[in-house]
Amino acid sequence: MDSIISAFGKSGRYLFCIPLVAFGMNHLTQASMMAGMVPIPGGVFWVYFTGVAMLLGAIGIITNFKGLGSLAAFLTGVLLLIYVFTIHLPALVNAPNAASRMAPLMMVLKDAGLAGGAWAIALLLKK
């Protein structure tokens, strides 16, 4: 059973990185559209910055280059939690009705869950 868990644990790193790559590419290709969601000045810059950060996080997690995969996973989790608290929770709180709360709620849950997964991967790579 341990070998099965180990095999799935290793493949989980790759599965985790698929959305990171997709979201990172989306940030780079749709920056002007996403800039309005950034709660601080310099919207387009921050969209590009976080897109690159997600791509570098995925690369770090997949390659574990020089043992830095754990740091990459940890920082990716921090970035995702920043999204939760600065973008998605305010959108959820400010939604005018129950129907318009659904999308922000899904984003809060997605990014919070991914942050938890990133930190689990950080622990896995630390060993």
N, C-alpha and C. Protein backbone atom coordinates (compact mmCIF):
# COMPACT_ATOMS: atom_id res chain seq x y z
N MET A 1 0.82 -1.19 0.00
CA MET A 1 0.00 0.00 0.00
C MET A 1 0.87 1.26 0.00
N ASP A 2 1.99 1.24 0.73
CA ASP A 2 2.87 2.41 0.78
C ASP A 2 3.41 2.77 -0.60
N SER A 3 3.71 1.75 -1.43
CA SER A 3 4.25 2.05 -2.76
C SER A 3 3.18 2.70 -3.64
N ILE A 4 1.93 2.31 -3.46
CA ILE A 4 0.83 2.93 -4.23
C ILE A 4 0.67 4.38 -3.81
N ILE A 5 0.68 4.61 -2.50
CA ILE A 5 0.55 5.98 -1.99
C ILE A 5 1.72 6.82 -2.48
N SER A 6 2.91 6.28 -2.46
CA SER A 6 4.09 7.00 -2.91
C SER A 6 3.98 7.36 -4.39
N ALA A 7 3.53 6.40 -5.20
CA ALA A 7 3.39 6.66 -6.64
C ALA A 7 2.36 7.75 -6.90
N PHE A 8 1.23 7.69 -6.22
CA PHE A 8 0.20 8.71 -6.40
C PHE A 8 0.67 10.06 -5.87
N GLY A 9 1.42 10.03 -4.77
CA GLY A 9 1.95 11.27 -4.22
C GLY A 9 2.87 11.97 -5.21
N LYS A 10 3.71 11.22 -5.89
CA LYS A 10 4.61 11.80 -6.89
C LYS A 10 3.82 12.32 -8.08
N SER A 11 2.83 11.58 -8.54
CA SER A 11 2.04 12.06 -9.68
C SER A 11 1.18 13.25 -9.29
N GLY A 12 0.85 13.36 -8.00
CA GLY A 12 0.06 14.49 -7.52
C GLY A 12 0.76 15.82 -7.75
N ARG A 13 2.08 15.83 -7.66
CA ARG A 13 2.84 17.06 -7.93
C ARG A 13 2.57 17.54 -9.35
N TYR A 14 2.56 16.60 -10.28
CA TYR A 14 2.34 16.98 -11.69
C TYR A 14 0.90 17.43 -11.92
N LEU A 15 -0.03 16.72 -11.33
CA LEU A 15 -1.44 17.11 -11.46
C LEU A 15 -1.69 18.48 -10.85
N PHE A 16 -1.05 18.76 -9.73
CA PHE A 16 -1.19 20.05 -9.08
C PHE A 16 -0.69 21.17 -9.98
N CYS A 17 0.36 20.91 -10.73
CA CYS A 17 0.97 21.95 -11.57
C CYS A 17 0.19 22.25 -12.84
N ILE A 18 -0.68 21.37 -13.27
CA ILE A 18 -1.46 21.62 -14.49
C ILE A 18 -2.26 22.92 -14.38
N PRO A 19 -3.07 23.10 -13.31
CA PRO A 19 -3.79 24.38 -13.23
C PRO A 19 -2.86 25.57 -13.03
N LEU A 20 -1.74 25.38 -12.34
CA LEU A 20 -0.79 26.50 -12.17
C LEU A 20 -0.30 26.99 -13.51
N VAL A 21 0.06 26.06 -14.38
CA VAL A 21 0.53 26.44 -15.72
C VAL A 21 -0.60 27.11 -16.50
N ALA A 22 -1.79 26.54 -16.44
CA ALA A 22 -2.94 27.13 -17.16
C ALA A 22 -3.25 28.53 -16.64
N PHE A 23 -3.28 28.70 -15.31
CA PHE A 23 -3.58 30.01 -14.74
C PHE A 23 -2.45 31.00 -15.03
N GLY A 24 -1.21 30.54 -14.96
CA GLY A 24 -0.08 31.41 -15.26
C GLY A 24 -0.12 31.89 -16.70
N MET A 25 -0.41 30.99 -17.62
CA MET A 25 -0.52 31.36 -19.04
C MET A 25 -1.69 32.32 -19.25
N ASN A 26 -2.79 32.08 -18.54
CA ASN A 26 -3.94 32.96 -18.64
C ASN A 26 -3.59 34.37 -18.17
N HIS A 27 -2.82 34.47 -17.10
CA HIS A 27 -2.39 35.77 -16.61
C HIS A 27 -1.56 36.50 -17.68
N LEU A 28 -0.71 35.76 -18.37
CA LEU A 28 0.16 36.38 -19.37
C LEU A 28 -0.58 36.74 -20.65
N THR A 29 -1.61 36.02 -20.99
CA THR A 29 -2.33 36.28 -22.24
C THR A 29 -3.56 37.16 -22.05
N GLN A 30 -4.05 37.29 -20.83
CA GLN A 30 -5.27 38.07 -20.57
C GLN A 30 -5.03 39.17 -19.54
N ALA A 31 -3.82 39.68 -19.46
CA ALA A 31 -3.44 40.62 -18.40
C ALA A 31 -4.31 41.86 -18.39
N SER A 32 -4.58 42.44 -19.55
CA SER A 32 -5.36 43.68 -19.56
C SER A 32 -6.79 43.45 -19.07
N MET A 33 -7.34 42.29 -19.37
CA MET A 33 -8.69 41.97 -18.92
C MET A 33 -8.72 41.75 -17.40
N MET A 34 -7.66 41.19 -16.83
CA MET A 34 -7.62 40.85 -15.41
C MET A 34 -7.14 42.02 -14.54
N ALA A 35 -6.55 43.04 -15.13
CA ALA A 35 -5.93 44.12 -14.37
C ALA A 35 -6.90 44.82 -13.43
N GLY A 36 -8.16 44.91 -13.78
CA GLY A 36 -9.15 45.58 -12.94
C GLY A 36 -9.42 44.86 -11.63
N MET A 37 -9.05 43.59 -11.54
CA MET A 37 -9.28 42.82 -10.31
C MET A 37 -8.18 43.06 -9.27
N VAL A 38 -7.07 43.66 -9.69
CA VAL A 38 -5.93 43.86 -8.80
C VAL A 38 -6.23 45.01 -7.84
N PRO A 39 -6.15 44.76 -6.53
CA PRO A 39 -6.56 45.77 -5.55
C PRO A 39 -5.51 46.83 -5.24
N ILE A 40 -4.37 46.83 -5.94
CA ILE A 40 -3.33 47.81 -5.71
C ILE A 40 -2.93 48.45 -7.03
N PRO A 41 -2.28 49.61 -7.00
CA PRO A 41 -1.86 50.26 -8.26
C PRO A 41 -0.91 49.38 -9.06
N GLY A 42 -0.92 49.59 -10.37
CA GLY A 42 -0.04 48.83 -11.26
C GLY A 42 -0.64 47.52 -11.69
N GLY A 43 -1.96 47.47 -11.89
CA GLY A 43 -2.69 46.24 -12.15
C GLY A 43 -2.08 45.30 -13.17
N VAL A 44 -1.78 45.81 -14.38
CA VAL A 44 -1.27 44.93 -15.44
C VAL A 44 0.08 44.34 -15.03
N PHE A 45 0.94 45.16 -14.42
CA PHE A 45 2.23 44.65 -13.95
C PHE A 45 2.03 43.47 -13.01
N TRP A 46 1.13 43.62 -12.03
CA TRP A 46 0.93 42.58 -11.03
C TRP A 46 0.32 41.32 -11.63
N VAL A 47 -0.50 41.48 -12.65
CA VAL A 47 -1.05 40.29 -13.32
C VAL A 47 0.07 39.54 -14.02
N TYR A 48 0.93 40.25 -14.74
CA TYR A 48 2.09 39.60 -15.37
C TYR A 48 3.01 38.97 -14.32
N PHE A 49 3.29 39.72 -13.26
CA PHE A 49 4.18 39.24 -12.20
C PHE A 49 3.66 37.94 -11.60
N THR A 50 2.38 37.92 -11.25
CA THR A 50 1.83 36.71 -10.63
C THR A 50 1.72 35.56 -11.63
N GLY A 51 1.51 35.89 -12.91
CA GLY A 51 1.51 34.84 -13.93
C GLY A 51 2.86 34.16 -14.02
N VAL A 52 3.92 34.97 -14.06
CA VAL A 52 5.28 34.42 -14.08
C VAL A 52 5.55 33.65 -12.79
N ALA A 53 5.09 34.19 -11.65
CA ALA A 53 5.30 33.50 -10.38
C ALA A 53 4.65 32.12 -10.37
N MET A 54 3.44 32.02 -10.92
CA MET A 54 2.78 30.70 -10.97
C MET A 54 3.53 29.74 -11.87
N LEU A 55 4.01 30.23 -13.00
CA LEU A 55 4.77 29.36 -13.90
C LEU A 55 6.08 28.92 -13.26
N LEU A 56 6.78 29.84 -12.60
CA LEU A 56 8.01 29.46 -11.91
C LEU A 56 7.74 28.51 -10.75
N GLY A 57 6.62 28.71 -10.06
CA GLY A 57 6.24 27.78 -9.00
C GLY A 57 6.04 26.38 -9.54
N ALA A 58 5.34 26.28 -10.66
CA ALA A 58 5.11 24.97 -11.27
C ALA A 58 6.42 24.31 -11.70
N ILE A 59 7.28 25.10 -12.31
CA ILE A 59 8.58 24.56 -12.73
C ILE A 59 9.39 24.10 -11.52
N GLY A 60 9.39 24.90 -10.46
CA GLY A 60 10.12 24.52 -9.25
C GLY A 60 9.58 23.25 -8.61
N ILE A 61 8.26 23.14 -8.58
CA ILE A 61 7.64 21.95 -7.98
C ILE A 61 7.95 20.71 -8.81
N ILE A 62 7.85 20.83 -10.12
CA ILE A 62 8.07 19.67 -10.99
C ILE A 62 9.53 19.24 -10.99
N THR A 63 10.45 20.20 -11.11
CA THR A 63 11.86 19.84 -11.24
C THR A 63 12.57 19.67 -9.90
N ASN A 64 12.09 20.35 -8.86
CA ASN A 64 12.76 20.36 -7.56
C ASN A 64 14.24 20.70 -7.73
N PHE A 65 14.51 21.65 -8.63
CA PHE A 65 15.87 22.06 -8.98
C PHE A 65 16.64 22.51 -7.74
N LYS A 66 17.78 21.89 -7.51
CA LYS A 66 18.66 22.17 -6.37
C LYS A 66 17.91 22.12 -5.04
N GLY A 67 16.88 21.28 -4.98
CA GLY A 67 16.13 21.12 -3.74
C GLY A 67 15.23 22.29 -3.39
N LEU A 68 14.97 23.16 -4.38
CA LEU A 68 14.15 24.35 -4.12
C LEU A 68 12.66 24.13 -4.39
N GLY A 69 12.27 22.91 -4.69
CA GLY A 69 10.86 22.62 -4.94
C GLY A 69 9.99 22.90 -3.74
N SER A 70 10.50 22.61 -2.56
CA SER A 70 9.74 22.87 -1.33
C SER A 70 9.49 24.36 -1.16
N LEU A 71 10.49 25.18 -1.39
CA LEU A 71 10.32 26.63 -1.30
C LEU A 71 9.35 27.12 -2.37
N ALA A 72 9.46 26.59 -3.58
CA ALA A 72 8.55 26.97 -4.66
C ALA A 72 7.11 26.64 -4.30
N ALA A 73 6.89 25.47 -3.73
CA ALA A 73 5.54 25.06 -3.34
C ALA A 73 5.02 25.94 -2.20
N PHE A 74 5.86 26.22 -1.22
CA PHE A 74 5.45 27.07 -0.10
C PHE A 74 5.06 28.46 -0.60
N LEU A 75 5.90 29.07 -1.42
CA LEU A 75 5.62 30.41 -1.92
C LEU A 75 4.39 30.43 -2.84
N THR A 76 4.18 29.37 -3.60
CA THR A 76 2.98 29.27 -4.42
C THR A 76 1.75 29.26 -3.54
N GLY A 77 1.80 28.52 -2.44
CA GLY A 77 0.68 28.52 -1.49
C GLY A 77 0.42 29.89 -0.91
N VAL A 78 1.48 30.62 -0.58
CA VAL A 78 1.33 31.98 -0.07
C VAL A 78 0.65 32.87 -1.12
N LEU A 79 1.11 32.78 -2.36
CA LEU A 79 0.52 33.57 -3.44
C LEU A 79 -0.97 33.27 -3.58
N LEU A 80 -1.32 32.00 -3.55
CA LEU A 80 -2.73 31.61 -3.69
C LEU A 80 -3.57 32.14 -2.53
N LEU A 81 -3.01 32.11 -1.33
CA LEU A 81 -3.75 32.64 -0.18
C LEU A 81 -3.88 34.17 -0.26
N ILE A 82 -2.89 34.82 -0.83
CA ILE A 82 -3.01 36.27 -1.07
C ILE A 82 -4.19 36.54 -2.00
N TYR A 83 -4.34 35.71 -3.04
CA TYR A 83 -5.49 35.86 -3.94
C TYR A 83 -6.80 35.74 -3.15
N VAL A 84 -6.85 34.76 -2.26
CA VAL A 84 -8.07 34.54 -1.48
C VAL A 84 -8.44 35.79 -0.70
N PHE A 85 -7.46 36.34 0.03
CA PHE A 85 -7.77 37.45 0.94
C PHE A 85 -7.88 38.81 0.26
N THR A 86 -7.21 39.00 -0.87
CA THR A 86 -7.23 40.33 -1.49
C THR A 86 -8.18 40.46 -2.67
N ILE A 87 -8.54 39.36 -3.29
CA ILE A 87 -9.39 39.42 -4.48
C ILE A 87 -10.71 38.69 -4.27
N HIS A 88 -10.65 37.42 -3.91
CA HIS A 88 -11.85 36.59 -3.90
C HIS A 88 -12.76 36.82 -2.70
N LEU A 89 -12.20 36.94 -1.50
CA LEU A 89 -13.06 37.21 -0.33
C LEU A 89 -13.75 38.58 -0.43
N PRO A 90 -13.02 39.65 -0.82
CA PRO A 90 -13.74 40.92 -1.00
C PRO A 90 -14.85 40.82 -2.04
N ALA A 91 -14.61 40.09 -3.13
CA ALA A 91 -15.66 39.92 -4.13
C ALA A 91 -16.85 39.16 -3.56
N LEU A 92 -16.58 38.17 -2.73
CA LEU A 92 -17.64 37.40 -2.09
C LEU A 92 -18.45 38.27 -1.13
N VAL A 93 -17.74 39.03 -0.30
CA VAL A 93 -18.41 39.88 0.69
C VAL A 93 -19.22 40.98 0.02
N ASN A 94 -18.72 41.52 -1.08
CA ASN A 94 -19.39 42.64 -1.75
C ASN A 94 -20.41 42.22 -2.79
N ALA A 95 -20.61 40.93 -2.98
CA ALA A 95 -21.61 40.47 -3.95
C ALA A 95 -23.01 40.89 -3.47
N PRO A 96 -23.82 41.42 -4.38
CA PRO A 96 -25.11 41.97 -3.96
C PRO A 96 -26.18 40.94 -3.59
N ASN A 97 -26.03 39.70 -4.07
CA ASN A 97 -27.06 38.70 -3.77
C ASN A 97 -26.45 37.30 -3.81
N ALA A 98 -27.25 36.34 -3.40
CA ALA A 98 -26.77 34.95 -3.30
C ALA A 98 -26.30 34.41 -4.65
N ALA A 99 -26.99 34.73 -5.71
CA ALA A 99 -26.61 34.22 -7.03
C ALA A 99 -25.24 34.75 -7.45
N SER A 100 -24.95 36.00 -7.14
CA SER A 100 -23.68 36.58 -7.55
C SER A 100 -22.54 36.22 -6.60
N ARG A 101 -22.85 35.53 -5.50
CA ARG A 101 -21.80 35.07 -4.58
C ARG A 101 -21.20 33.73 -5.01
N MET A 102 -21.86 33.03 -5.91
CA MET A 102 -21.42 31.67 -6.26
C MET A 102 -20.02 31.66 -6.88
N ALA A 103 -19.75 32.50 -7.87
CA ALA A 103 -18.43 32.50 -8.52
C ALA A 103 -17.32 32.89 -7.54
N PRO A 104 -17.46 33.97 -6.77
CA PRO A 104 -16.40 34.28 -5.81
C PRO A 104 -16.20 33.19 -4.76
N LEU A 105 -17.28 32.55 -4.34
CA LEU A 105 -17.16 31.46 -3.37
C LEU A 105 -16.34 30.32 -3.96
N MET A 106 -16.61 29.97 -5.21
CA MET A 106 -15.84 28.90 -5.86
C MET A 106 -14.37 29.27 -5.96
N MET A 107 -14.07 30.55 -6.23
CA MET A 107 -12.68 30.99 -6.32
C MET A 107 -11.99 30.94 -4.95
N VAL A 108 -12.72 31.33 -3.90
CA VAL A 108 -12.16 31.23 -2.54
C VAL A 108 -11.81 29.78 -2.23
N LEU A 109 -12.75 28.89 -2.48
CA LEU A 109 -12.52 27.47 -2.18
C LEU A 109 -11.41 26.88 -3.04
N LYS A 110 -11.38 27.22 -4.32
CA LYS A 110 -10.35 26.71 -5.24
C LYS A 110 -8.97 27.13 -4.77
N ASP A 111 -8.79 28.43 -4.56
CA ASP A 111 -7.45 28.90 -4.21
C ASP A 111 -7.04 28.50 -2.80
N ALA A 112 -8.00 28.43 -1.86
CA ALA A 112 -7.66 27.96 -0.52
C ALA A 112 -7.25 26.48 -0.57
N GLY A 113 -7.98 25.69 -1.33
CA GLY A 113 -7.63 24.27 -1.47
C GLY A 113 -6.30 24.08 -2.16
N LEU A 114 -6.03 24.87 -3.20
CA LEU A 114 -4.75 24.78 -3.89
C LEU A 114 -3.60 25.22 -2.97
N ALA A 115 -3.84 26.24 -2.15
CA ALA A 115 -2.81 26.67 -1.19
C ALA A 115 -2.48 25.52 -0.24
N GLY A 116 -3.50 24.86 0.27
CA GLY A 116 -3.28 23.71 1.15
C GLY A 116 -2.52 22.61 0.44
N GLY A 117 -2.87 22.35 -0.81
CA GLY A 117 -2.14 21.35 -1.60
C GLY A 117 -0.69 21.74 -1.82
N ALA A 118 -0.46 23.03 -2.07
CA ALA A 118 0.91 23.50 -2.27
C ALA A 118 1.74 23.27 -1.02
N TRP A 119 1.14 23.54 0.14
CA TRP A 119 1.89 23.36 1.38
C TRP A 119 2.11 21.88 1.69
N ALA A 120 1.18 21.02 1.31
CA ALA A 120 1.39 19.58 1.47
C ALA A 120 2.54 19.12 0.56
N ILE A 121 2.59 19.65 -0.65
CA ILE A 121 3.69 19.32 -1.56
C ILE A 121 5.01 19.84 -1.01
N ALA A 122 4.99 21.04 -0.42
CA ALA A 122 6.21 21.59 0.19
C ALA A 122 6.75 20.64 1.25
N LEU A 123 5.86 20.11 2.05
CA LEU A 123 6.27 19.14 3.08
C LEU A 123 6.80 17.87 2.45
N LEU A 124 6.14 17.38 1.41
CA LEU A 124 6.57 16.17 0.72
C LEU A 124 7.97 16.35 0.12
N LEU A 125 8.23 17.51 -0.47
CA LEU A 125 9.53 17.75 -1.10
C LEU A 125 10.62 18.05 -0.09
N LYS A 126 10.25 18.43 1.11
CA LYS A 126 11.23 18.73 2.15
C LYS A 126 11.94 17.48 2.64
N LYS A 127 11.29 16.34 2.50
CA LYS A 127 11.85 15.08 3.02
C LYS A 127 12.99 14.58 2.17
